């Protein structure tokens, strides 16, 4: 009896172990295959890379809506608060449409070294299985990620002309500017165009985003003129707390801006995120120190501006810097942009209302030019970057942005006009243009 019972026990244990082994092998097999790239068409797509870039896309849109809108809105007078939010919000919608219709085709088409052509108007070539050469994410994800850059870049220009510009010309300017300035420059550098062939390195938009926006903002100011009473009768920011909240959203969203530009969930993305945070922190503290030294009172608005200066400066180099390089580039951005604000707005009296050129333009170009030196392996970087190429790229983008923007504005000024009348400026654009007030 014991032998029969023992045999039955062994048989039961054998079946149990066999089933357990089968289950375990299935789990291991599923885990293995989940970790492998899935196939889309003929190209390998990584689920991890795709998930990260999808997240980064949401973070970059979060930078514009609501981050940039609140950052800019808090800096203006209360009677113009909603007008700033409206411009940023409308630009996000309009830029999306322009990007789908023609912007993406011009930026990332394959027609030549200066623009991508019009072969993919309306994204007629896009499908769920589309994957660009050398990428591990679907083309739809890449396209959406790049779309958020096309949204925030013209939205940055809003800070230059707040409190005195008409609404319709801003929308017309945005649509034309994306097609004539932003998309071609993106093709030159990111789409395999002529500056890419010259060796220009711009990881996440020092030239494509910040230089184009900064230079165009300065040109816009020249065409528009100063606000009434500038600089002596202009009130300080009406909601510094909102400025800080908006800057905080930009800080967090910038992790997607720079980390997502790696287009992969790997160590490069992790390092880009780390150096971005370091540069933002150093830019913030450098501004606090400089304000304390000059005015004896550091301001919350100043600290937030220093954050953006550090972020703008590290953007083009985030993919090649190490932590030591990030400390230096953040410090450089904070100090140089602080001096630029005083030079442009205080001494030269250009009414770049929210310092778009002094922070974004100067910061982005500074980061481009410092990249070959601060990416050194001695500072923990990846090396690379040729200064002559960086200088050429900066000059080309500055000249093209300035000339093209001037032509666009010249036409709009002659046809629709750019500036609101004196009464609308006095009453405030919230009421005059939109029939609303932020504070009842």
Protein backbone atom coordinates (compact mmCIF):
# COMPACT_ATOMS: atom_id res chain seq x y z
CA UNK A 1 0.00 0.00 0.00
CA UNK A 2 2.80 2.39 0.87
CA UNK A 3 4.50 1.69 -2.46
CA UNK A 4 1.27 2.34 -4.37
CA UNK A 5 0.66 5.55 -2.41
CA UNK A 6 4.26 6.57 -2.95
CA UNK A 7 3.97 5.94 -6.67
CA UNK A 8 0.75 7.97 -6.84
CA UNK A 9 2.43 10.81 -4.91
CA UNK A 10 5.41 10.79 -7.24
CA UNK A 11 3.10 10.74 -10.25
CA UNK A 12 1.14 13.73 -8.87
CA UNK A 13 4.34 15.63 -8.11
CA UNK A 14 5.67 14.86 -11.58
CA UNK A 15 2.53 16.21 -13.24
CA UNK A 16 2.59 19.28 -10.97
CA UNK A 17 6.26 19.97 -11.70
CA UNK A 18 5.69 19.42 -15.43
CA UNK A 19 2.84 21.93 -15.50
CA UNK A 20 4.83 24.41 -13.41
CA UNK A 21 7.79 24.07 -15.79
CA UNK A 22 5.50 24.63 -18.77
CA UNK A 23 3.99 27.73 -17.15
CA UNK A 24 7.42 29.08 -16.21
CA UNK A 25 8.80 28.58 -19.72
CA UNK A 26 5.75 30.38 -21.15
CA UNK A 27 6.27 33.37 -18.83
CA UNK A 28 9.97 33.50 -19.69
CA UNK A 29 9.13 33.26 -23.40
CA UNK A 30 6.57 36.05 -23.21
CA UNK A 31 8.97 38.23 -21.25
CA UNK A 32 11.71 37.60 -23.77
CA UNK A 33 9.56 38.42 -26.77
CA UNK A 34 8.09 41.51 -25.07
CA UNK A 35 11.61 42.79 -24.61
CA UNK A 36 12.44 42.30 -28.28
CA UNK A 37 11.69 44.92 -30.94
CA UNK A 38 8.33 44.48 -32.59
CA UNK A 39 8.27 44.60 -36.35
CA UNK A 40 6.43 47.33 -38.24
CA UNK A 41 6.72 46.80 -41.95
CA UNK A 42 10.36 46.05 -42.67
CA UNK A 43 11.75 48.09 -39.75
CA UNK A 44 12.24 47.20 -36.10
CA UNK A 45 10.24 49.25 -33.60
CA UNK A 46 11.13 49.31 -29.92
CA UNK A 47 8.21 49.41 -27.52
CA UNK A 48 10.37 51.09 -24.87
CA UNK A 49 11.64 53.80 -27.20
CA UNK A 50 8.13 54.41 -28.50
CA UNK A 51 6.69 54.72 -25.00
CA UNK A 52 9.36 57.22 -23.97
CA UNK A 53 8.96 59.45 -27.03
CA UNK A 54 5.17 59.38 -26.61
CA UNK A 55 5.70 60.60 -23.04
CA UNK A 56 8.20 63.22 -24.20
CA UNK A 57 5.69 64.47 -26.77
CA UNK A 58 3.13 65.08 -24.03
CA UNK A 59 5.79 66.83 -21.91
CA UNK A 60 6.74 69.23 -24.70
CA UNK A 61 3.10 70.13 -25.35
CA UNK A 62 2.75 70.64 -21.59
CA UNK A 63 5.53 73.23 -21.90
CA UNK A 64 3.33 75.34 -24.18
CA UNK A 65 -0.05 74.52 -22.72
CA UNK A 66 -0.10 75.60 -19.96
CA UNK A 67 3.57 76.23 -19.08
CA UNK A 68 4.59 78.96 -21.52
CA UNK A 69 1.11 80.51 -21.46
CA UNK A 70 1.21 80.99 -17.68
CA UNK A 71 4.87 82.08 -17.67
CA UNK A 72 4.18 84.81 -20.21
CA UNK A 73 0.71 85.65 -18.86
CA UNK A 74 1.94 86.37 -15.37
CA UNK A 75 4.59 88.77 -16.71
CA UNK A 76 2.15 91.20 -18.36
CA UNK A 77 -0.35 93.64 -16.88
CA UNK A 78 -3.66 92.19 -15.68
CA UNK A 79 -5.64 93.83 -18.52
CA UNK A 80 -3.62 91.80 -21.08
CA UNK A 81 -3.44 88.45 -19.28
CA UNK A 82 -6.08 86.61 -21.33
CA UNK A 83 -4.77 88.00 -24.63
CA UNK A 84 -1.44 86.30 -24.01
CA UNK A 85 -3.10 83.00 -23.12
CA UNK A 86 -5.31 83.28 -26.20
CA UNK A 87 -2.35 83.79 -28.54
CA UNK A 88 -0.40 80.84 -27.16
CA UNK A 89 -3.50 78.63 -27.20
CA UNK A 90 -4.49 79.58 -30.75
CA UNK A 91 -0.91 79.14 -32.01
CA UNK A 92 -0.88 75.59 -30.65
CA UNK A 93 -3.95 74.73 -32.70
CA UNK A 94 -2.87 76.61 -35.83
CA UNK A 95 0.70 75.27 -35.82
CA UNK A 96 -0.67 71.72 -35.61
CA UNK A 97 -2.74 72.23 -38.75
CA UNK A 98 0.12 73.90 -40.64
CA UNK A 99 2.48 71.08 -39.62
CA UNK A 100 0.09 68.41 -40.91
CA UNK A 101 -0.72 70.19 -44.16
CA UNK A 102 2.82 71.11 -45.25
CA UNK A 103 5.24 71.82 -42.39
CA UNK A 104 6.34 68.24 -41.79
CA UNK A 105 6.84 67.62 -45.51
CA UNK A 106 9.06 70.70 -45.83
CA UNK A 107 11.05 69.88 -42.69
CA UNK A 108 11.59 66.14 -43.13
CA UNK A 109 10.97 65.40 -46.79
CA UNK A 110 13.76 64.16 -49.03
CA UNK A 111 13.69 66.63 -51.93
CA UNK A 112 17.04 68.34 -51.35
CA UNK A 113 19.49 70.06 -49.04
CA UNK A 114 17.47 73.23 -48.47
CA UNK A 115 13.90 72.04 -48.00
CA UNK A 116 12.09 68.74 -47.92
CA UNK A 117 9.60 69.45 -50.66
CA UNK A 118 5.84 68.98 -50.88
CA UNK A 119 5.63 65.26 -51.60
CA UNK A 120 3.93 64.51 -48.28
CA UNK A 121 1.29 67.24 -48.16
CA UNK A 122 -1.43 66.35 -45.69
CA UNK A 123 0.68 63.37 -44.56
CA UNK A 124 -0.66 61.28 -47.42
CA UNK A 125 2.32 58.91 -47.17
CA UNK A 126 1.91 58.22 -43.44
CA UNK A 127 0.61 54.89 -42.18
CA UNK A 128 0.72 52.97 -38.92
CA UNK A 129 3.61 50.90 -40.26
CA UNK A 130 5.71 53.88 -41.40
CA UNK A 131 9.19 53.99 -39.83
CA UNK A 132 11.95 56.35 -40.91
CA UNK A 133 15.38 54.90 -41.71
CA UNK A 134 17.53 54.34 -38.66
CA UNK A 135 14.75 54.92 -36.14
CA UNK A 136 13.17 52.57 -33.64
CA UNK A 137 9.87 54.44 -33.26
CA UNK A 138 6.89 54.72 -35.63
CA UNK A 139 7.00 57.72 -37.94
CA UNK A 140 3.67 58.91 -36.50
CA UNK A 141 5.32 59.22 -33.08
CA UNK A 142 8.34 61.05 -34.50
CA UNK A 143 6.03 63.35 -36.43
CA UNK A 144 3.96 64.16 -33.35
CA UNK A 145 7.07 64.81 -31.26
CA UNK A 146 8.44 67.20 -33.86
CA UNK A 147 5.02 68.84 -34.12
CA UNK A 148 5.27 69.98 -30.49
CA UNK A 149 8.52 71.77 -31.37
CA UNK A 150 6.75 73.51 -34.25
CA UNK A 151 4.08 74.59 -31.74
CA UNK A 152 6.29 76.04 -29.04
CA UNK A 153 8.74 77.86 -31.35
CA UNK A 154 6.33 80.49 -32.75
CA UNK A 155 4.66 80.64 -29.34
CA UNK A 156 7.97 81.83 -27.88
CA UNK A 157 7.80 84.90 -30.14
CA UNK A 158 4.58 85.98 -28.40
CA UNK A 159 6.64 87.30 -25.50
CA UNK A 160 8.17 90.00 -27.70
CA UNK A 161 4.98 91.73 -28.84
CA UNK A 162 2.55 91.34 -25.94
CA UNK A 163 0.16 94.17 -24.98
CA UNK A 164 0.13 95.95 -28.34
CA UNK A 165 -0.37 93.61 -31.32
CA UNK A 166 -3.50 92.62 -33.25
CA UNK A 167 -4.73 89.05 -33.10
CA UNK A 168 -5.33 88.17 -36.76
CA UNK A 169 -1.87 89.30 -38.00
CA UNK A 170 -0.29 87.11 -35.30
CA UNK A 171 -2.09 84.06 -36.68
CA UNK A 172 -1.19 84.90 -40.27
CA UNK A 173 2.41 85.53 -39.28
CA UNK A 174 2.57 82.20 -37.43
CA UNK A 175 1.28 80.15 -40.36
CA UNK A 176 3.63 81.75 -42.89
CA UNK A 177 6.60 81.81 -40.51
CA UNK A 178 6.41 78.07 -39.81
CA UNK A 179 6.50 77.30 -43.52
CA UNK A 180 9.13 79.88 -44.51
CA UNK A 181 11.45 80.01 -41.50
CA UNK A 182 10.97 77.16 -39.04
CA UNK A 183 10.41 74.18 -41.35
CA UNK A 184 13.31 74.98 -43.74
CA UNK A 185 15.74 75.52 -40.86
CA UNK A 186 14.59 72.23 -39.32
CA UNK A 187 15.34 70.58 -42.67
CA UNK A 188 18.80 72.16 -42.86
CA UNK A 189 19.84 70.74 -39.48
CA UNK A 190 17.55 67.85 -38.50
CA UNK A 191 16.29 66.74 -41.91
CA UNK A 192 19.69 65.94 -43.41
CA UNK A 193 20.02 69.32 -45.14
CA UNK A 194 23.05 71.40 -46.01
CA UNK A 195 23.95 72.49 -42.46
CA UNK A 196 23.78 68.90 -41.30
CA UNK A 197 26.18 67.99 -44.09
CA UNK A 198 28.49 70.80 -42.93
CA UNK A 199 28.67 69.17 -39.50
CA UNK A 200 26.41 71.47 -37.46
CA UNK A 201 25.35 69.90 -34.16
CA UNK A 202 22.07 71.05 -32.62
CA UNK A 203 20.72 68.34 -30.38
CA UNK A 204 17.33 69.76 -29.40
CA UNK A 205 16.94 73.21 -30.94
CA UNK A 206 19.46 75.89 -30.02
CA UNK A 207 19.26 77.10 -33.62
CA UNK A 208 16.10 75.44 -34.92
CA UNK A 209 13.97 76.64 -32.00
CA UNK A 210 15.63 79.32 -29.88
CA UNK A 211 17.68 81.22 -32.45
CA UNK A 212 14.86 81.37 -35.02
CA UNK A 213 12.37 82.52 -32.38
CA UNK A 214 14.77 84.97 -30.73
CA UNK A 215 15.93 86.67 -33.93
CA UNK A 216 12.39 86.84 -35.31
CA UNK A 217 11.17 88.31 -32.02
CA UNK A 218 13.74 91.10 -32.24
CA UNK A 219 12.73 91.90 -35.83
CA UNK A 220 9.05 91.90 -34.80
CA UNK A 221 9.81 94.44 -32.08
CA UNK A 222 11.52 96.72 -34.61
CA UNK A 223 8.46 96.66 -36.88
CA UNK A 224 5.94 97.03 -34.05
CA UNK A 225 7.46 99.76 -31.93
CA UNK A 226 7.45 100.25 -28.17
CA UNK A 227 4.52 100.04 -25.82
CA UNK A 228 3.06 103.35 -24.75
CA UNK A 229 5.05 104.67 -21.80
CA UNK A 230 7.95 102.24 -22.22
CA UNK A 231 10.15 101.96 -20.21
CA UNK A 232 9.14 104.32 -17.37
CA UNK A 233 5.37 103.78 -17.24
CA UNK A 234 5.27 100.02 -17.68
CA UNK A 235 3.88 98.21 -14.64
CA UNK A 236 5.76 95.24 -13.15
CA UNK A 237 4.47 91.69 -13.73
CA UNK A 238 0.98 91.40 -12.29
CA UNK A 239 1.24 87.79 -11.02
CA UNK A 240 4.79 86.68 -10.14
CA UNK A 241 3.39 83.52 -8.56
CA UNK A 242 1.91 82.44 -11.90
CA UNK A 243 5.23 83.24 -13.57
CA UNK A 244 6.95 80.80 -11.22
CA UNK A 245 4.30 78.12 -11.79
CA UNK A 246 4.66 78.49 -15.55
CA UNK A 247 8.45 78.35 -15.31
CA UNK A 248 8.18 75.19 -13.21
CA UNK A 249 6.04 73.57 -15.89
CA UNK A 250 8.61 74.58 -18.49
CA UNK A 251 11.39 73.11 -16.36
CA UNK A 252 9.60 69.76 -16.09
CA UNK A 253 8.48 69.80 -19.73
CA UNK A 254 12.04 70.45 -20.86
CA UNK A 255 12.92 66.90 -19.82
CA UNK A 256 10.78 65.81 -22.76
CA UNK A 257 12.22 68.55 -24.96
CA UNK A 258 15.83 67.44 -24.46
CA UNK A 259 15.51 63.87 -23.20
CA UNK A 260 13.02 63.02 -25.93
CA UNK A 261 15.35 64.32 -28.63
CA UNK A 262 17.47 61.21 -28.12
CA UNK A 263 14.51 59.34 -29.69
CA UNK A 264 15.34 56.34 -27.53
CA UNK A 265 14.88 55.18 -23.95
CA UNK A 266 18.57 54.70 -23.22
CA UNK A 267 21.55 56.12 -21.36
CA UNK A 268 21.79 59.03 -23.77
CA UNK A 269 18.26 60.14 -22.88
CA UNK A 270 19.07 59.78 -19.19
CA UNK A 271 22.20 61.90 -19.50
CA UNK A 272 20.35 64.53 -21.55
CA UNK A 273 17.72 64.77 -18.82
CA UNK A 274 20.37 65.03 -16.09
CA UNK A 275 22.42 67.77 -17.74
CA UNK A 276 19.22 69.67 -18.55
CA UNK A 277 18.27 69.73 -14.88
CA UNK A 278 21.77 70.73 -13.78
CA UNK A 279 21.94 73.64 -16.24
CA UNK A 280 18.49 74.88 -15.17
CA UNK A 281 19.53 74.81 -11.53
CA UNK A 282 22.79 76.69 -12.16
CA UNK A 283 21.03 79.24 -14.37
CA UNK A 284 18.51 79.86 -11.59
CA UNK A 285 21.14 80.35 -8.89
CA UNK A 286 23.36 82.53 -11.07
CA UNK A 287 20.45 84.90 -11.71
CA UNK A 288 19.66 85.03 -7.97
CA UNK A 289 23.27 85.90 -7.17
CA UNK A 290 23.50 88.55 -9.88
CA UNK A 291 20.24 90.22 -8.83
CA UNK A 292 21.35 90.20 -5.21
CA UNK A 293 24.67 91.76 -6.14
CA UNK A 294 23.09 94.45 -8.33
CA UNK A 295 19.81 95.23 -6.56
CA UNK A 296 20.30 93.66 -3.10
CA UNK A 297 16.94 91.90 -3.56
CA UNK A 298 16.60 88.70 -5.60
CA UNK A 299 13.18 88.38 -7.23
CA UNK A 300 11.03 85.36 -7.99
CA UNK A 301 10.58 86.57 -11.57
CA UNK A 302 14.35 86.88 -11.92
CA UNK A 303 14.92 83.37 -10.58
CA UNK A 304 12.36 81.97 -13.04
CA UNK A 305 14.01 83.84 -15.91
CA UNK A 306 17.37 82.39 -14.90
CA UNK A 307 15.85 78.91 -15.08
CA UNK A 308 14.73 79.49 -18.67
CA UNK A 309 18.13 80.96 -19.58
CA UNK A 310 19.90 77.84 -18.31
CA UNK A 311 17.46 75.58 -20.14
CA UNK A 312 17.71 77.46 -23.44
CA UNK A 313 21.51 77.41 -23.33
CA UNK A 314 21.85 73.70 -22.61
CA UNK A 315 19.30 72.66 -25.23
CA UNK A 316 21.60 72.37 -28.28
CA UNK A 317 24.29 70.53 -26.31
CA UNK A 318 22.24 68.26 -24.03
CA UNK A 319 23.08 65.19 -26.10
CA UNK A 320 26.85 65.60 -25.86
CA UNK A 321 27.50 67.16 -22.43
CA UNK A 322 28.51 65.56 -19.17
CA UNK A 323 27.56 66.91 -15.71
CA UNK A 324 30.66 69.13 -15.47
CA UNK A 325 29.91 70.65 -18.86
CA UNK A 326 26.31 71.22 -17.76
CA UNK A 327 27.48 73.21 -14.73
CA UNK A 328 29.56 75.46 -16.96
CA UNK A 329 26.96 75.92 -19.68
CA UNK A 330 24.25 76.68 -17.13
CA UNK A 331 26.48 79.28 -15.49
CA UNK A 332 27.33 80.81 -18.87
CA UNK A 333 23.68 80.97 -19.84
CA UNK A 334 22.63 82.59 -16.59
CA UNK A 335 25.34 85.24 -16.65
CA UNK A 336 25.32 86.08 -20.36
CA UNK A 337 21.52 86.19 -20.66
CA UNK A 338 21.32 88.39 -17.55
CA UNK A 339 23.72 90.84 -19.17
CA UNK A 340 21.83 90.58 -22.47
CA UNK A 341 18.54 91.54 -20.79
CA UNK A 342 20.14 94.67 -19.36
CA UNK A 343 21.75 95.52 -22.70
CA UNK A 344 18.73 94.92 -24.96
CA UNK A 345 15.87 96.24 -22.85
CA UNK A 346 17.46 98.59 -20.34
CA UNK A 347 20.31 100.23 -22.25
CA UNK A 348 19.34 99.92 -25.91
CA UNK A 349 15.64 100.22 -24.99
CA UNK A 350 14.29 97.63 -27.42
CA UNK A 351 10.84 96.78 -26.09
CA UNK A 352 11.27 93.02 -26.33
CA UNK A 353 8.63 92.84 -23.64
CA UNK A 354 9.42 89.47 -22.10
CA UNK A 355 13.07 89.19 -23.19
CA UNK A 356 12.60 86.59 -25.91
CA UNK A 357 15.76 87.55 -27.79
CA UNK A 358 17.90 88.15 -24.70
CA UNK A 359 17.01 84.79 -23.12
CA UNK A 360 16.05 82.41 -25.93
CA UNK A 361 17.98 83.88 -28.84
CA UNK A 362 21.16 84.67 -26.95
CA UNK A 363 20.93 81.49 -24.86
CA UNK A 364 20.37 79.18 -27.84
CA UNK A 365 23.20 80.68 -29.90
CA UNK A 366 25.52 80.71 -26.88
CA UNK A 367 24.87 77.01 -26.32
CA UNK A 368 25.60 76.26 -29.97
CA UNK A 369 28.95 78.07 -29.84
CA UNK A 370 30.01 76.62 -26.47
CA UNK A 371 29.12 73.06 -27.48
CA UNK A 372 32.48 72.12 -29.10
CA UNK A 373 34.39 73.22 -25.99
CA UNK A 374 32.14 71.99 -23.17
CA UNK A 375 31.42 68.61 -24.75
CA UNK A 376 35.04 67.62 -24.16
CA UNK A 377 35.63 64.14 -22.79
CA UNK A 378 37.70 65.80 -20.03
CA UNK A 379 34.42 67.29 -18.78
CA UNK A 380 32.56 64.00 -19.09
CA UNK A 381 31.07 64.77 -22.50
CA UNK A 382 30.99 62.77 -25.71
CA UNK A 383 33.34 65.06 -27.61
CA UNK A 384 32.58 66.33 -31.06
CA UNK A 385 31.23 69.51 -32.49
CA UNK A 386 33.25 71.72 -34.82
CA UNK A 387 33.33 75.41 -33.90
CA UNK A 388 33.61 76.60 -37.50
CA UNK A 389 30.53 74.59 -38.43
CA UNK A 390 28.63 75.88 -35.39
CA UNK A 391 29.55 79.46 -36.30
CA UNK A 392 28.45 78.94 -39.91
CA UNK A 393 25.16 77.43 -38.78
CA UNK A 394 24.49 80.30 -36.39
CA UNK A 395 25.21 82.92 -39.05
CA UNK A 396 23.00 81.19 -41.63
CA UNK A 397 20.05 80.79 -39.27
CA UNK A 398 20.34 84.36 -37.97
CA UNK A 399 20.45 85.88 -41.46
CA UNK A 400 17.64 83.74 -42.86
CA UNK A 401 15.38 84.26 -39.83
CA UNK A 402 15.91 88.02 -39.88
CA UNK A 403 15.37 88.51 -43.63
CA UNK A 404 12.39 86.17 -43.97
CA UNK A 405 10.70 87.57 -40.86
CA UNK A 406 11.19 91.13 -42.06
CA UNK A 407 9.58 90.35 -45.43
CA UNK A 408 6.61 88.61 -43.81
CA UNK A 409 6.03 91.50 -41.41
CA UNK A 410 6.43 94.10 -44.14
CA UNK A 411 3.63 92.50 -46.14
CA UNK A 412 1.37 92.08 -43.10
CA UNK A 413 1.96 95.65 -41.94
CA UNK A 414 0.97 97.03 -45.35
CA UNK A 415 -2.13 94.84 -45.63
CA UNK A 416 -3.61 94.12 -42.19
CA UNK A 417 -1.54 96.31 -39.91
CA UNK A 418 0.25 94.98 -36.87
CA UNK A 419 -0.53 97.26 -33.97
CA UNK A 420 -3.78 97.95 -32.13
CA UNK A 421 -4.93 101.55 -31.82
CA UNK A 422 -4.12 103.72 -28.81
CA UNK A 423 -7.52 103.22 -27.20
CA UNK A 424 -7.28 99.41 -27.36
CA UNK A 425 -3.80 99.52 -25.90
CA UNK A 426 -5.02 101.75 -23.05
CA UNK A 427 -8.09 99.66 -22.26
CA UNK A 428 -6.19 96.40 -22.56
CA UNK A 429 -6.28 93.67 -25.17
CA UNK A 430 -8.41 91.32 -23.07
CA UNK A 431 -11.41 93.62 -23.42
CA UNK A 432 -10.54 95.31 -26.72
CA UNK A 433 -9.78 92.16 -28.73
CA UNK A 434 -11.57 89.35 -26.91
CA UNK A 435 -14.38 90.93 -24.89
CA UNK A 436 -13.27 89.24 -21.68
CA UNK A 437 -11.55 90.13 -18.45
CA UNK A 438 -9.35 87.86 -16.37
CA UNK A 439 -10.39 89.34 -13.03
CA UNK A 440 -14.02 90.30 -12.49
